[in-house]
Protein backbone atom coordinates (compact mmCIF):
# COMPACT_ATOMS: atom_id res chain seq x y z
CA MET A 1 12.47 -28.75 -13.63
CA SER A 2 10.00 -30.49 -15.80
CA GLY A 3 6.50 -30.86 -14.16
CA VAL A 4 6.88 -28.19 -11.36
CA ALA A 5 4.29 -25.71 -11.14
CA GLN A 6 4.87 -22.12 -9.87
CA ILE A 7 1.68 -20.54 -8.22
CA GLU A 8 1.23 -17.04 -6.86
CA ILE A 9 -1.15 -16.85 -3.81
CA ARG A 10 -2.67 -13.38 -3.92
CA GLU A 11 -4.56 -13.47 -0.83
CA THR A 12 -2.78 -12.98 2.55
CA ALA A 13 -2.61 -15.46 5.32
CA ALA A 14 -5.18 -13.42 7.20
CA GLU A 15 -7.71 -13.57 4.25
CA LEU A 16 -7.27 -17.12 3.73
CA LYS A 17 -7.80 -17.74 7.51
CA THR A 18 -10.97 -15.73 7.39
CA LEU A 19 -12.10 -17.63 4.28
CA LEU A 20 -11.58 -21.11 5.97
CA ARG A 21 -13.51 -20.01 8.97
CA GLN A 22 -16.54 -19.16 6.77
CA GLU A 23 -16.46 -22.03 4.26
CA LYS A 24 -19.09 -24.71 4.71
CA ASP A 25 -18.32 -26.73 1.52
CA VAL A 26 -15.77 -29.48 2.41
CA LEU A 27 -13.95 -29.42 -0.86
CA ARG A 28 -13.41 -25.83 -0.95
CA HIS A 29 -12.24 -25.81 2.77
CA GLU A 30 -9.71 -28.27 1.84
CA LYS A 31 -8.47 -26.38 -1.09
CA LEU A 32 -8.36 -23.40 0.94
CA GLN A 33 -6.52 -25.22 3.69
CA VAL A 34 -3.71 -26.20 1.25
CA LEU A 35 -3.37 -22.52 0.25
CA TYR A 36 -3.27 -21.38 3.73
CA TRP A 37 -0.50 -24.10 4.44
CA LEU A 38 1.45 -22.96 1.43
CA LYS A 39 1.06 -19.32 2.32
CA THR A 40 2.19 -19.58 5.90
CA GLN A 41 5.05 -22.23 4.69
CA THR A 42 3.67 -24.82 6.96
CA VAL A 43 4.30 -27.08 4.07
CA ASP A 44 6.71 -26.37 1.24
CA SER A 45 4.84 -28.08 -1.74
CA VAL A 46 1.36 -29.29 -2.66
CA LEU A 47 2.58 -32.82 -2.37
CA SER A 48 3.73 -32.11 1.28
CA ALA A 49 0.19 -30.73 1.84
CA ALA A 50 -1.38 -34.07 0.23
CA VAL A 51 0.85 -36.07 2.49
CA ARG A 52 0.09 -33.99 5.65
CA ARG A 53 -3.88 -34.50 4.82
CA THR A 54 -3.48 -38.03 4.25
CA VAL A 55 -1.53 -38.52 7.54
CA ASN A 56 -4.24 -36.64 9.30
CA ILE A 57 -7.15 -38.77 8.00
CA VAL A 58 -5.44 -42.38 8.19
CA PRO A 59 -7.16 -44.24 11.13
CA GLN A 60 -4.80 -44.74 14.06
CA TYR A 61 -4.49 -47.90 16.16
CA LYS A 62 -3.16 -48.64 19.52
CA ASP A 63 -3.13 -52.08 21.04
CA GLY A 64 -5.30 -53.24 18.14
CA CYS A 65 -8.06 -50.53 19.13
CA LEU A 66 -9.14 -47.62 16.89
CA VAL A 67 -8.09 -44.42 18.34
CA ILE A 68 -10.50 -41.62 17.89
CA GLY A 69 -9.03 -38.11 16.99
CA ARG A 70 -6.80 -36.66 14.06
CA GLY A 71 -3.28 -37.24 13.95
CA GLU A 72 -0.98 -34.24 13.98
């Protein structure tokens, strides 16, 4: 299939989780989060991870008021 990238994640899920806990830089943390999601099969593609991340940061409204908290 054209445009489909295959990646191999060498780190174990446990190693990625440890790195996630230690990482202080936001951008690096987000990259590690996507790798962790892919490794644990929480998402099946980078696109799915992007959508999941976007859903988590989109403001949520209820009865016209902003709801504080992350969507899951």
